[in-house]
Amino acid sequence: QIREDLTEYIRVQRIGGLLYHIEGHLSEANTQLCRTIWQQ
């Protein structure tokens, strides 16, 4: 499980799309963020 307060770390490190693709255990908010990055 990945902590909910790591949104900025995920964004800065450019790994949101990857975490969504590999089905990382994310909070609902970070799942939405990573899905959006993956789509973009």
Full PDB file with SEQRES, HELIX, SHEET, SSBOND, CRYST1, ORIGX, SCALE, CONECT and MASTER records, all heavy atoms in Angstrom:
SEQRES   1 A   40  GLN ILE ARG GLU ASP LEU THR GLU TYR ILE ARG VAL GLN          
SEQRES   2 A   40  ARG ILE GLY GLY LEU LEU TYR HIS ILE GLU GLY HIS LEU          
SEQRES   3 A   40  SER GLU ALA ASN THR GLN LEU CYS ARG THR ILE TRP GLN          
SEQRES   4 A   40  GLN                                                          
HELIX    1 AA1 GLU A    4  LEU A    6  5                                   3    
HELIX    2 AA2 THR A    7  VAL A   12  1                                   6    
HELIX    3 AA3 GLY A   16  HIS A   21  1                                   6    
HELIX    4 AA4 GLU A   28  GLN A   39  1                                  12    
CRYST1    1.000    1.000    1.000  90.00  90.00  90.00 P 1           1          
ORIGX1      1.000000  0.000000  0.000000        0.00000                         
ORIGX2      0.000000  1.000000  0.000000        0.00000                         
ORIGX3      0.000000  0.000000  1.000000        0.00000                         
SCALE1      1.000000  0.000000  0.000000        0.00000                         
SCALE2      0.000000  1.000000  0.000000        0.00000                         
SCALE3      0.000000  0.000000  1.000000        0.00000                         
ATOM      1  N   GLN A   1       0.832  -1.202   0.000  1.00  0.00           N  
ATOM      2  CA  GLN A   1       0.000   0.000   0.000  1.00  0.00           C  
ATOM      3  C   GLN A   1       0.866   1.251   0.000  1.00  0.00           C  
ATOM      4  O   GLN A   1       1.790   1.394   0.799  1.00  0.00           O  
ATOM      5  CB  GLN A   1      -0.923   0.010   1.216  1.00  0.00           C  
ATOM      6  CG  GLN A   1      -1.917   1.156   1.208  1.00  0.00           C  
ATOM      7  CD  GLN A   1      -2.967   1.002   2.276  1.00  0.00           C  
ATOM      8  OE1 GLN A   1      -2.953   0.056   3.061  1.00  0.00           O  
ATOM      9  NE2 GLN A   1      -3.899   1.942   2.325  1.00  0.00           N  
ATOM     10  N   ILE A   2       0.558   2.174  -0.897  1.00  0.00           N  
ATOM     11  CA  ILE A   2       1.306   3.427  -1.034  1.00  0.00           C  
ATOM     12  C   ILE A   2       0.547   4.539  -0.334  1.00  0.00           C  
ATOM     13  O   ILE A   2      -0.645   4.728  -0.563  1.00  0.00           O  
ATOM     14  CB  ILE A   2       1.527   3.755  -2.528  1.00  0.00           C  
ATOM     15  CG1 ILE A   2       2.417   2.688  -3.168  1.00  0.00           C  
ATOM     16  CG2 ILE A   2       2.140   5.138  -2.706  1.00  0.00           C  
ATOM     17  CD1 ILE A   2       2.559   2.828  -4.671  1.00  0.00           C  
ATOM     18  N   ARG A   3       1.245   5.282   0.497  1.00  0.00           N  
ATOM     19  CA  ARG A   3       0.607   6.308   1.313  1.00  0.00           C  
ATOM     20  C   ARG A   3      -0.069   7.367   0.455  1.00  0.00           C  
ATOM     21  O   ARG A   3       0.400   7.733  -0.622  1.00  0.00           O  
ATOM     22  CB  ARG A   3       1.630   6.968   2.230  1.00  0.00           C  
ATOM     23  CG  ARG A   3       1.986   6.112   3.421  1.00  0.00           C  
ATOM     24  CD  ARG A   3       3.108   6.666   4.253  1.00  0.00           C  
ATOM     25  NE  ARG A   3       3.234   8.119   4.262  1.00  0.00           N  
ATOM     26  CZ  ARG A   3       4.082   8.768   5.055  1.00  0.00           C  
ATOM     27  NH1 ARG A   3       4.852   8.086   5.880  1.00  0.00           N  
ATOM     28  NH2 ARG A   3       4.177  10.074   5.009  1.00  0.00           N  
ATOM     29  N   GLU A   4      -1.167   7.905   0.981  1.00  0.00           N  
ATOM     30  CA  GLU A   4      -1.962   8.893   0.253  1.00  0.00           C  
ATOM     31  C   GLU A   4      -1.219  10.210   0.082  1.00  0.00           C  
ATOM     32  O   GLU A   4      -1.448  10.951  -0.875  1.00  0.00           O  
ATOM     33  CB  GLU A   4      -3.287   9.125   0.988  1.00  0.00           C  
ATOM     34  CG  GLU A   4      -4.239  10.029   0.234  1.00  0.00           C  
ATOM     35  CD  GLU A   4      -5.601  10.065   0.889  1.00  0.00           C  
ATOM     36  OE1 GLU A   4      -5.758   9.500   1.998  1.00  0.00           O  
ATOM     37  OE2 GLU A   4      -6.519  10.656   0.301  1.00  0.00           O  
ATOM     38  N   ASP A   5      -0.297  10.535   1.013  1.00  0.00           N  
ATOM     39  CA  ASP A   5       0.361  11.840   0.982  1.00  0.00           C  
ATOM     40  C   ASP A   5       1.581  11.872   0.049  1.00  0.00           C  
ATOM     41  O   ASP A   5       2.379  12.807   0.113  1.00  0.00           O  
ATOM     42  CB  ASP A   5       0.778  12.271   2.391  1.00  0.00           C  
ATOM     43  CG  ASP A   5       1.762  11.306   3.054  1.00  0.00           C  
ATOM     44  OD1 ASP A   5       2.059  10.250   2.452  1.00  0.00           O  
ATOM     45  OD2 ASP A   5       2.224  11.606   4.169  1.00  0.00           O  
ATOM     46  N   LEU A   6       1.712  10.879  -0.824  1.00  0.00           N  
ATOM     47  CA  LEU A   6       2.851  10.841  -1.738  1.00  0.00           C  
ATOM     48  C   LEU A   6       2.506  11.349  -3.138  1.00  0.00           C  
ATOM     49  O   LEU A   6       3.239  11.105  -4.088  1.00  0.00           O  
ATOM     50  CB  LEU A   6       3.401   9.422  -1.838  1.00  0.00           C  
ATOM     51  CG  LEU A   6       4.096   8.918  -0.565  1.00  0.00           C  
ATOM     52  CD1 LEU A   6       4.482   7.469  -0.710  1.00  0.00           C  
ATOM     53  CD2 LEU A   6       5.319   9.753  -0.246  1.00  0.00           C  
ATOM     54  N   THR A   7       1.410  12.083  -3.243  1.00  0.00           N  
ATOM     55  CA  THR A   7       0.971  12.588  -4.546  1.00  0.00           C  
ATOM     56  C   THR A   7       2.062  13.382  -5.244  1.00  0.00           C  
ATOM     57  O   THR A   7       2.344  13.171  -6.430  1.00  0.00           O  
ATOM     58  CB  THR A   7      -0.274  13.473  -4.382  1.00  0.00           C  
ATOM     59  OG1 THR A   7      -1.320  12.695  -3.799  1.00  0.00           O  
ATOM     60  CG2 THR A   7      -0.738  14.020  -5.726  1.00  0.00           C  
ATOM     61  N   GLU A   8       2.691  14.296  -4.532  1.00  0.00           N  
ATOM     62  CA  GLU A   8       3.702  15.149  -5.160  1.00  0.00           C  
ATOM     63  C   GLU A   8       4.931  14.339  -5.555  1.00  0.00           C  
ATOM     64  O   GLU A   8       5.538  14.588  -6.610  1.00  0.00           O  
ATOM     65  CB  GLU A   8       4.100  16.289  -4.216  1.00  0.00           C  
ATOM     66  CG  GLU A   8       5.017  17.332  -4.846  1.00  0.00           C  
ATOM     67  CD  GLU A   8       4.405  18.028  -6.059  1.00  0.00           C  
ATOM     68  OE1 GLU A   8       3.170  18.016  -6.203  1.00  0.00           O  
ATOM     69  OE2 GLU A   8       5.176  18.583  -6.865  1.00  0.00           O  
ATOM     70  N   TYR A   9       5.302  13.379  -4.741  1.00  0.00           N  
ATOM     71  CA  TYR A   9       6.445  12.530  -5.078  1.00  0.00           C  
ATOM     72  C   TYR A   9       6.167  11.757  -6.363  1.00  0.00           C  
ATOM     73  O   TYR A   9       7.020  11.658  -7.243  1.00  0.00           O  
ATOM     74  CB  TYR A   9       6.728  11.569  -3.930  1.00  0.00           C  
ATOM     75  CG  TYR A   9       7.986  10.743  -4.123  1.00  0.00           C  
ATOM     76  CD1 TYR A   9       9.238  11.349  -4.112  1.00  0.00           C  
ATOM     77  CD2 TYR A   9       7.915   9.370  -4.323  1.00  0.00           C  
ATOM     78  CE1 TYR A   9      10.400  10.594  -4.283  1.00  0.00           C  
ATOM     79  CE2 TYR A   9       9.061   8.609  -4.497  1.00  0.00           C  
ATOM     80  CZ  TYR A   9      10.297   9.223  -4.482  1.00  0.00           C  
ATOM     81  OH  TYR A   9      11.444   8.488  -4.661  1.00  0.00           O  
ATOM     82  N   ILE A  10       4.979  11.195  -6.471  1.00  0.00           N  
ATOM     83  CA  ILE A  10       4.586  10.452  -7.674  1.00  0.00           C  
ATOM     84  C   ILE A  10       4.635  11.364  -8.892  1.00  0.00           C  
ATOM     85  O   ILE A  10       5.117  10.984  -9.960  1.00  0.00           O  
ATOM     86  CB  ILE A  10       3.179   9.854  -7.491  1.00  0.00           C  
ATOM     87  CG1 ILE A  10       3.209   8.736  -6.440  1.00  0.00           C  
ATOM     88  CG2 ILE A  10       2.626   9.340  -8.812  1.00  0.00           C  
ATOM     89  CD1 ILE A  10       1.835   8.256  -6.013  1.00  0.00           C  
ATOM     90  N   ARG A  11       4.160  12.594  -8.723  1.00  0.00           N  
ATOM     91  CA  ARG A  11       4.122  13.523  -9.844  1.00  0.00           C  
ATOM     92  C   ARG A  11       5.529  13.955 -10.254  1.00  0.00           C  
ATOM     93  O   ARG A  11       5.887  13.927 -11.433  1.00  0.00           O  
ATOM     94  CB  ARG A  11       3.291  14.763  -9.459  1.00  0.00           C  
ATOM     95  CG  ARG A  11       2.937  15.665 -10.637  1.00  0.00           C  
ATOM     96  CD  ARG A  11       2.390  16.999 -10.133  1.00  0.00           C  
ATOM     97  NE  ARG A  11       1.294  16.824  -9.205  1.00  0.00           N  
ATOM     98  CZ  ARG A  11       0.021  16.685  -9.565  1.00  0.00           C  
ATOM     99  NH1 ARG A  11      -0.299  16.664 -10.845  1.00  0.00           N  
ATOM    100  NH2 ARG A  11      -0.931  16.554  -8.649  1.00  0.00           N  
ATOM    101  N   VAL A  12       6.341  14.366  -9.279  1.00  0.00           N  
ATOM    102  CA  VAL A  12       7.692  14.845  -9.581  1.00  0.00           C  
ATOM    103  C   VAL A  12       8.543  13.745 -10.197  1.00  0.00           C  
ATOM    104  O   VAL A  12       9.331  13.984 -11.116  1.00  0.00           O  
ATOM    105  CB  VAL A  12       8.361  15.398  -8.302  1.00  0.00           C  
ATOM    106  CG1 VAL A  12       9.850  15.628  -8.513  1.00  0.00           C  
ATOM    107  CG2 VAL A  12       7.687  16.700  -7.882  1.00  0.00           C  
ATOM    108  N   GLN A  13       8.376  12.512  -9.719  1.00  0.00           N  
ATOM    109  CA  GLN A  13       9.179  11.405 -10.224  1.00  0.00           C  
ATOM    110  C   GLN A  13       8.595  10.775 -11.496  1.00  0.00           C  
ATOM    111  O   GLN A  13       9.153   9.801 -12.014  1.00  0.00           O  
ATOM    112  CB  GLN A  13       9.353  10.337  -9.141  1.00  0.00           C  
ATOM    113  CG  GLN A  13      10.092  10.824  -7.907  1.00  0.00           C  
ATOM    114  CD  GLN A  13      11.533  11.210  -8.195  1.00  0.00           C  
ATOM    115  OE1 GLN A  13      12.052  10.930  -9.264  1.00  0.00           O  
ATOM    116  NE2 GLN A  13      12.184  11.871  -7.254  1.00  0.00           N  
ATOM    117  N   ARG A  14       7.516  11.319 -12.004  1.00  0.00           N  
ATOM    118  CA  ARG A  14       6.958  10.947 -13.311  1.00  0.00           C  
ATOM    119  C   ARG A  14       6.609   9.462 -13.416  1.00  0.00           C  
ATOM    120  O   ARG A  14       6.815   8.837 -14.457  1.00  0.00           O  
ATOM    121  CB  ARG A  14       7.934  11.318 -14.430  1.00  0.00           C  
ATOM    122  CG  ARG A  14       8.375  12.769 -14.423  1.00  0.00           C  
ATOM    123  CD  ARG A  14       9.324  13.040 -15.577  1.00  0.00           C  
ATOM    124  NE  ARG A  14       9.987  14.342 -15.419  1.00  0.00           N  
ATOM    125  CZ  ARG A  14      10.913  14.790 -16.249  1.00  0.00           C  
ATOM    126  NH1 ARG A  14      11.284  14.075 -17.298  1.00  0.00           N  
ATOM    127  NH2 ARG A  14      11.480  15.968 -16.046  1.00  0.00           N  
ATOM    128  N   ILE A  15       6.093   8.896 -12.355  1.00  0.00           N  
ATOM    129  CA  ILE A  15       5.813   7.462 -12.363  1.00  0.00           C  
ATOM    130  C   ILE A  15       4.326   7.160 -12.212  1.00  0.00           C  
ATOM    131  O   ILE A  15       3.946   6.007 -12.023  1.00  0.00           O  
ATOM    132  CB  ILE A  15       6.595   6.746 -11.239  1.00  0.00           C  
ATOM    133  CG1 ILE A  15       6.303   7.393  -9.881  1.00  0.00           C  
ATOM    134  CG2 ILE A  15       8.081   6.737 -11.539  1.00  0.00           C  
ATOM    135  CD1 ILE A  15       6.880   6.622  -8.713  1.00  0.00           C  
ATOM    136  N   GLY A  16       3.477   8.194 -12.328  1.00  0.00           N  
ATOM    137  CA  GLY A  16       2.039   7.974 -12.147  1.00  0.00           C  
ATOM    138  C   GLY A  16       1.466   6.992 -13.157  1.00  0.00           C  
ATOM    139  O   GLY A  16       0.704   6.088 -12.797  1.00  0.00           O  
ATOM    140  N   GLY A  17       1.803   7.176 -14.431  1.00  0.00           N  
ATOM    141  CA  GLY A  17       1.291   6.271 -15.460  1.00  0.00           C  
ATOM    142  C   GLY A  17       1.736   4.838 -15.232  1.00  0.00           C  
ATOM    143  O   GLY A  17       0.956   3.891 -15.448  1.00  0.00           O  
ATOM    144  N   LEU A  18       2.975   4.660 -14.792  1.00  0.00           N  
ATOM    145  CA  LEU A  18       3.496   3.325 -14.544  1.00  0.00           C  
ATOM    146  C   LEU A  18       2.790   2.680 -13.351  1.00  0.00           C  
ATOM    147  O   LEU A  18       2.410   1.507 -13.403  1.00  0.00           O  
ATOM    148  CB  LEU A  18       5.006   3.383 -14.299  1.00  0.00           C  
ATOM    149  CG  LEU A  18       5.688   2.049 -13.989  1.00  0.00           C  
ATOM    150  CD1 LEU A  18       5.455   1.040 -15.107  1.00  0.00           C  
ATOM    151  CD2 LEU A  18       7.181   2.249 -13.742  1.00  0.00           C  
ATOM    152  N   LEU A  19       2.606   3.437 -12.269  1.00  0.00           N  
ATOM    153  CA  LEU A  19       1.922   2.874 -11.101  1.00  0.00           C  
ATOM    154  C   LEU A  19       0.497   2.457 -11.450  1.00  0.00           C  
ATOM    155  O   LEU A  19      -0.005   1.439 -10.945  1.00  0.00           O  
ATOM    156  CB  LEU A  19       1.909   3.894  -9.956  1.00  0.00           C  
ATOM    157  CG  LEU A  19       3.260   4.165  -9.280  1.00  0.00           C  
ATOM    158  CD1 LEU A  19       3.124   5.249  -8.232  1.00  0.00           C  
ATOM    159  CD2 LEU A  19       3.834   2.883  -8.664  1.00  0.00           C  
ATOM    160  N   TYR A  20      -0.155   3.209 -12.318  1.00  0.00           N  
ATOM    161  CA  TYR A  20      -1.501   2.822 -12.750  1.00  0.00           C  
ATOM    162  C   TYR A  20      -1.437   1.552 -13.598  1.00  0.00           C  
ATOM    163  O   TYR A  20      -2.224   0.619 -13.395  1.00  0.00           O  
ATOM    164  CB  TYR A  20      -2.147   3.959 -13.547  1.00  0.00           C  
ATOM    165  CG  TYR A  20      -3.545   3.619 -14.022  1.00  0.00           C  
ATOM    166  CD1 TYR A  20      -4.621   3.619 -13.142  1.00  0.00           C  
ATOM    167  CD2 TYR A  20      -3.778   3.279 -15.350  1.00  0.00           C  
ATOM    168  CE1 TYR A  20      -5.893   3.282 -13.568  1.00  0.00           C  
ATOM    169  CE2 TYR A  20      -5.054   2.947 -15.794  1.00  0.00           C  
ATOM    170  CZ  TYR A  20      -6.107   2.949 -14.904  1.00  0.00           C  
ATOM    171  OH  TYR A  20      -7.364   2.621 -15.327  1.00  0.00           O  
ATOM    172  N   HIS A  21      -0.491   1.487 -14.520  1.00  0.00           N  
ATOM    173  CA  HIS A  21      -0.367   0.330 -15.414  1.00  0.00           C  
ATOM    174  C   HIS A  21      -0.083  -0.953 -14.641  1.00  0.00           C  
ATOM    175  O   HIS A  21      -0.639  -2.018 -14.964  1.00  0.00           O  
ATOM    176  CB  HIS A  21       0.747   0.586 -16.432  1.00  0.00           C  
ATOM    177  CG  HIS A  21       1.118  -0.608 -17.248  1.00  0.00           C  
ATOM    178  ND1 HIS A  21       0.243  -1.226 -18.111  1.00  0.00           N  
ATOM    179  CD2 HIS A  21       2.288  -1.310 -17.314  1.00  0.00           C  
ATOM    180  CE1 HIS A  21       0.853  -2.261 -18.682  1.00  0.00           C  
ATOM    181  NE2 HIS A  21       2.082  -2.330 -18.216  1.00  0.00           N  
ATOM    182  N   ILE A  22       0.767  -0.885 -13.618  1.00  0.00           N  
ATOM    183  CA  ILE A  22       1.147  -2.101 -12.889  1.00  0.00           C  
ATOM    184  C   ILE A  22       0.238  -2.354 -11.692  1.00  0.00           C  
ATOM    185  O   ILE A  22       0.511  -3.228 -10.870  1.00  0.00           O  
ATOM    186  CB  ILE A  22       2.621  -2.040 -12.435  1.00  0.00           C  
ATOM    187  CG1 ILE A  22       2.849  -0.937 -11.393  1.00  0.00           C  
ATOM    188  CG2 ILE A  22       3.537  -1.838 -13.637  1.00  0.00           C  
ATOM    189  CD1 ILE A  22       4.280  -0.892 -10.858  1.00  0.00           C  
ATOM    190  N   GLU A  23      -0.836  -1.558 -11.601  1.00  0.00           N  
ATOM    191  CA  GLU A  23      -1.846  -1.740 -10.562  1.00  0.00           C  
ATOM    192  C   GLU A  23      -1.260  -1.585  -9.169  1.00  0.00           C  
ATOM    193  O   GLU A  23      -1.407  -2.444  -8.295  1.00  0.00           O  
ATOM    194  CB  GLU A  23      -2.539  -3.107 -10.720  1.00  0.00           C  
ATOM    195  CG  GLU A  23      -3.244  -3.256 -12.059  1.00  0.00           C  
ATOM    196  CD  GLU A  23      -3.932  -4.598 -12.229  1.00  0.00           C  
ATOM    197  OE1 GLU A  23      -3.598  -5.555 -11.490  1.00  0.00           O  
ATOM    198  OE2 GLU A  23      -4.808  -4.692 -13.091  1.00  0.00           O  
ATOM    199  N   GLY A  24      -0.587  -0.438  -8.980  1.00  0.00           N  
ATOM    200  CA  GLY A  24      -0.091  -0.118  -7.651  1.00  0.00           C  
ATOM    201  C   GLY A  24      -1.232   0.043  -6.666  1.00  0.00           C  
ATOM    202  O   GLY A  24      -2.337   0.460  -7.034  1.00  0.00           O  
ATOM    203  N   HIS A  25      -0.967  -0.292  -5.404  1.00  0.00           N  
ATOM    204  CA  HIS A  25      -1.983  -0.198  -4.345  1.00  0.00           C  
ATOM    205  C   HIS A  25      -2.054   1.264  -3.881  1.00  0.00           C  
ATOM    206  O   HIS A  25      -1.353   1.674  -2.952  1.00  0.00           O  
ATOM    207  CB  HIS A  25      -1.613  -1.128  -3.194  1.00  0.00           C  
ATOM    208  CG  HIS A  25      -2.702  -1.288  -2.181  1.00  0.00           C  
ATOM    209  ND1 HIS A  25      -2.613  -2.178  -1.134  1.00  0.00           N  
ATOM    210  CD2 HIS A  25      -3.907  -0.682  -2.049  1.00  0.00           C  
ATOM    211  CE1 HIS A  25      -3.699  -2.098  -0.396  1.00  0.00           C  
ATOM    212  NE2 HIS A  25      -4.497  -1.199  -0.926  1.00  0.00           N  
ATOM    213  N   LEU A  26      -2.917   2.045  -4.536  1.00  0.00           N  
ATOM    214  CA  LEU A  26      -2.985   3.485  -4.331  1.00  0.00           C  
ATOM    215  C   LEU A  26      -4.282   3.888  -3.652  1.00  0.00           C  
ATOM    216  O   LEU A  26      -5.293   3.165  -3.717  1.00  0.00           O  
ATOM    217  CB  LEU A  26      -2.892   4.203  -5.687  1.00  0.00           C  
ATOM    218  CG  LEU A  26      -1.638   3.951  -6.517  1.00  0.00           C  
ATOM    219  CD1 LEU A  26      -1.911   4.232  -7.989  1.00  0.00           C  
ATOM    220  CD2 LEU A  26      -0.500   4.824  -6.007  1.00  0.00           C  
ATOM    221  N   SER A  27      -4.272   5.071  -3.025  1.00  0.00           N  
ATOM    222  CA  SER A  27      -5.499   5.638  -2.499  1.00  0.00           C  
ATOM    223  C   SER A  27      -6.418   6.012  -3.663  1.00  0.00           C  
ATOM    224  O   SER A  27      -5.989   6.060  -4.830  1.00  0.00           O  
ATOM    225  CB  SER A  27      -5.198   6.886  -1.673  1.00  0.00           C  
ATOM    226  OG  SER A  27      -4.702   7.919  -2.525  1.00  0.00           O  
ATOM    227  N   GLU A  28      -7.669   6.299  -3.384  1.00  0.00           N  
ATOM    228  CA  GLU A  28      -8.606   6.657  -4.455  1.00  0.00           C  
ATOM    229  C   GLU A  28      -8.146   7.905  -5.196  1.00  0.00           C  
ATOM    230  O   GLU A  28      -8.174   7.955  -6.435  1.00  0.00           O  
ATOM    231  CB  GLU A  28     -10.006   6.883  -3.875  1.00  0.00           C  
ATOM    232  CG  GLU A  28     -11.040   7.218  -4.944  1.00  0.00           C  
ATOM    233  CD  GLU A  28     -12.438   7.377  -4.366  1.00  0.00           C  
ATOM    234  OE1 GLU A  28     -12.635   7.054  -3.176  1.00  0.00           O  
ATOM    235  OE2 GLU A  28     -13.343   7.819  -5.102  1.00  0.00           O  
ATOM    236  N   ALA A  29      -7.688   8.912  -4.442  1.00  0.00           N  
ATOM    237  CA  ALA A  29      -7.251  10.160  -5.077  1.00  0.00           C  
ATOM    238  C   ALA A  29      -6.031   9.919  -5.954  1.00  0.00           C  
ATOM    239  O   ALA A  29      -5.952  10.427  -7.079  1.00  0.00           O  
ATOM    240  CB  ALA A  29      -6.938  11.207  -4.014  1.00  0.00           C  
ATOM    241  N   ASN A  30      -5.076   9.147  -5.466  1.00  0.00           N  
ATOM    242  CA  ASN A  30      -3.877   8.884  -6.266  1.00  0.00           C  
ATOM    243  C   ASN A  30      -4.161   7.944  -7.435  1.00  0.00           C  
ATOM    244  O   ASN A  30      -3.488   8.027  -8.470  1.00  0.00           O  
ATOM    245  CB  ASN A  30      -2.762   8.320  -5.383  1.00  0.00           C  
ATOM    246  CG  ASN A  30      -2.052   9.408  -4.590  1.00  0.00           C  
ATOM    247  OD1 ASN A  30      -2.067  10.573  -4.979  1.00  0.00           O  
ATOM    248  ND2 ASN A  30      -1.452   9.033  -3.469  1.00  0.00           N  
ATOM    249  N   THR A  31      -5.142   7.065  -7.280  1.00  0.00           N  
ATOM    250  CA  THR A  31      -5.555   6.238  -8.417  1.00  0.00           C  
ATOM    251  C   THR A  31      -6.092   7.113  -9.540  1.00  0.00           C  
ATOM    252  O   THR A  31      -5.765   6.926 -10.719  1.00  0.00           O  
ATOM    253  CB  THR A  31      -6.617   5.212  -7.995  1.00  0.00           C  
ATOM    254  OG1 THR A  31      -6.053   4.319  -7.037  1.00  0.00           O  
ATOM    255  CG2 THR A  31      -7.110   4.410  -9.194  1.00  0.00           C  
ATOM    256  N   GLN A  32      -6.911   8.095  -9.178  1.00  0.00           N  
ATOM    257  CA  GLN A  32      -7.458   9.012 -10.183  1.00  0.00           C  
ATOM    258  C   GLN A  32      -6.339   9.817 -10.841  1.00  0.00           C  
ATOM    259  O   GLN A  32      -6.329  10.008 -12.068  1.00  0.00           O  
ATOM    260  CB  GLN A  32      -8.475   9.942  -9.538  1.00  0.00           C  
ATOM    261  CG  GLN A  32      -9.741   9.231  -9.082  1.00  0.00           C  
ATOM    262  CD  GLN A  32     -10.714  10.149  -8.358  1.00  0.00           C  
ATOM    263  OE1 GLN A  32     -10.414  11.315  -8.089  1.00  0.00           O  
ATOM    264  NE2 GLN A  32     -11.884   9.643  -8.028  1.00  0.00           N  
ATOM    265  N   LEU A  33      -5.387  10.299 -10.034  1.00  0.00           N  
ATOM    266  CA  LEU A  33      -4.252  11.043 -10.576  1.00  0.00           C  
ATOM    267  C   LEU A  33      -3.464  10.179 -11.554  1.00  0.00           C  
ATOM    268  O   LEU A  33      -3.166  10.609 -12.676  1.00  0.00           O  
ATOM    269  CB  LEU A  33      -3.331  11.504  -9.439  1.00  0.00           C  
ATOM    270  CG  LEU A  33      -1.954  12.029  -9.875  1.00  0.00           C  
ATOM    271  CD1 LEU A  33      -2.095  13.381 -10.575  1.00  0.00           C  
ATOM    272  CD2 LEU A  33      -1.013  12.138  -8.675  1.00  0.00           C  
ATOM    273  N   CYS A  34      -3.132   8.965 -11.139  1.00  0.00           N  
ATOM    274  CA  CYS A  34      -2.304   8.096 -11.976  1.00  0.00           C  
ATOM    275  C   CYS A  34      -3.039   7.661 -13.235  1.00  0.00           C  
ATOM    276  O   CYS A  34      -2.430   7.540 -14.304  1.00  0.00           O  
ATOM    277  CB  CYS A  34      -1.837   6.887 -11.170  1.00  0.00           C  
ATOM    278  SG  CYS A  34      -0.665   7.312  -9.841  1.00  0.00           S  
ATOM    279  N   ARG A  35      -4.354   7.448 -13.113  1.00  0.00           N  
ATOM    280  CA  ARG A  35      -5.137   7.112 -14.309  1.00  0.00           C  
ATOM    281  C   ARG A  35      -5.121   8.266 -15.295  1.00  0.00           C  
ATOM    282  O   ARG A  35      -4.953   8.059 -16.509  1.00  0.00           O  
ATOM    283  CB  ARG A  35      -6.573   6.788 -13.920  1.00  0.00           C  
ATOM    284  CG  ARG A  35      -7.442   6.392 -15.143  1.00  0.00           C  
ATOM    285  CD  ARG A  35      -8.919   6.331 -14.799  1.00  0.00           C  
ATOM    286  NE  ARG A  35      -9.186   5.339 -13.782  1.00  0.00           N  
ATOM    287  CZ  ARG A  35      -9.680   5.622 -12.578  1.00  0.00           C  
ATOM    288  NH1 ARG A  35      -9.937   6.874 -12.228  1.00  0.00           N  
ATOM    289  NH2 ARG A  35      -9.926   4.659 -11.720  1.00  0.00           N  
ATOM    290  N   THR A  36      -5.261   9.481 -14.802  1.00  0.00           N  
ATOM    291  CA  THR A  36      -5.239  10.659 -15.670  1.00  0.00           C  
ATOM    292  C   THR A  36      -3.887  10.795 -16.358  1.00  0.00           C  
ATOM    293  O   THR A  36      -3.808  11.073 -17.558  1.00  0.00           O  
ATOM    294  CB  THR A  36      -5.545  11.932 -14.864  1.00  0.00           C  
ATOM    295  OG1 THR A  36      -6.871  11.829 -14.317  1.00  0.00           O  
ATOM    296  CG2 THR A  36      -5.465  13.174 -15.746  1.00  0.00           C  
ATOM    297  N   ILE A  37      -2.795  10.596 -15.606  1.00  0.00           N  
ATOM    298  CA  ILE A  37      -1.453  10.670 -16.198  1.00  0.00           C  
ATOM    299  C   ILE A  37      -1.287   9.593 -17.254  1.00  0.00           C  
ATOM    300  O   ILE A  37      -0.748   9.848 -18.335  1.00  0.00           O  
ATOM    301  CB  ILE A  37      -0.381  10.541 -15.096  1.00  0.00           C  
ATOM    302  CG1 ILE A  37      -0.427  11.762 -14.163  1.00  0.00           C  
ATOM    303  CG2 ILE A  37       1.016  10.402 -15.711  1.00  0.00           C  
ATOM    304  CD1 ILE A  37       0.468  11.639 -12.949  1.00  0.00           C  
ATOM    305  N   TRP A  38      -1.762   8.375 -16.968  1.00  0.00           N  
ATOM    306  CA  TRP A  38      -1.671   7.286 -17.939  1.00  0.00           C  
ATOM    307  C   TRP A  38      -2.416   7.636 -19.224  1.00  0.00           C  
ATOM    308  O   TRP A  38      -1.921   7.423 -20.331  1.00  0.00           O  
ATOM    309  CB  TRP A  38      -2.239   6.002 -17.331  1.00  0.00           C  
ATOM    310  CG  TRP A  38      -2.140   4.810 -18.229  1.00  0.00           C  
ATOM    311  CD1 TRP A  38      -1.105   3.932 -18.328  1.00  0.00           C  
ATOM    312  CD2 TRP A  38      -3.124   4.379 -19.170  1.00  0.00           C  
ATOM    313  NE1 TRP A  38      -1.383   2.972 -19.277  1.00  0.00           N  
ATOM    314  CE2 TRP A  38      -2.607   3.222 -19.808  1.00  0.00           C  
ATOM    315  CE3 TRP A  38      -4.387   4.847 -19.530  1.00  0.00           C  
ATOM    316  CZ2 TRP A  38      -3.319   2.535 -20.785  1.00  0.00           C  
ATOM    317  CZ3 TRP A  38      -5.098   4.164 -20.511  1.00  0.00           C  
ATOM    318  CH2 TRP A  38      -4.557   3.023 -21.131  1.00  0.00           C  
ATOM    319  N   GLN A  39      -3.598   8.208 -19.079  1.00  0.00           N  
ATOM    320  CA  GLN A  39      -4.386   8.596 -20.256  1.00  0.00           C  
ATOM    321  C   GLN A  39      -3.689   9.701 -21.047  1.00  0.00           C  
ATOM    322  O   GLN A  39      -3.657   9.663 -22.278  1.00  0.00           O  
ATOM    323  CB  GLN A  39      -5.784   9.053 -19.814  1.00  0.00           C  
ATOM    324  CG  GLN A  39      -6.645   7.931 -19.258  1.00  0.00           C  
ATOM    325  CD  GLN A  39      -7.927   8.426 -18.606  1.00  0.00           C  
ATOM    326  OE1 GLN A  39      -8.013   9.589 -18.167  1.00  0.00           O  
ATOM    327  NE2 GLN A  39      -8.927   7.567 -18.528  1.00  0.00           N  
ATOM    328  N   GLN A  40      -3.116  10.660 -20.338  1.00  0.00           N  
ATOM    329  CA  GLN A  40      -2.400  11.750 -21.012  1.00  0.00           C  
ATOM    330  C   GLN A  40      -1.173  11.220 -21.744  1.00  0.00           C  
ATOM    331  O   GLN A  40      -0.902  11.610 -22.882  1.00  0.00           O  
ATOM    332  CB  GLN A  40      -1.996  12.814 -19.988  1.00  0.00           C  
ATOM    333  CG  GLN A  40      -3.159  13.591 -19.409  1.00  0.00           C  
ATOM    334  CD  GLN A  40      -2.755  14.493 -18.255  1.00  0.00           C  
ATOM    335  OE1 GLN A  40      -1.678  14.317 -17.653  1.00  0.00           O  
ATOM    336  NE2 GLN A  40      -3.585  15.453 -17.922  1.00  0.00           N  
TER     337      GLN A  40                                                      
MASTER        0    0    0    4    0    0    0    6  336    1    0    4          
END                                                                             
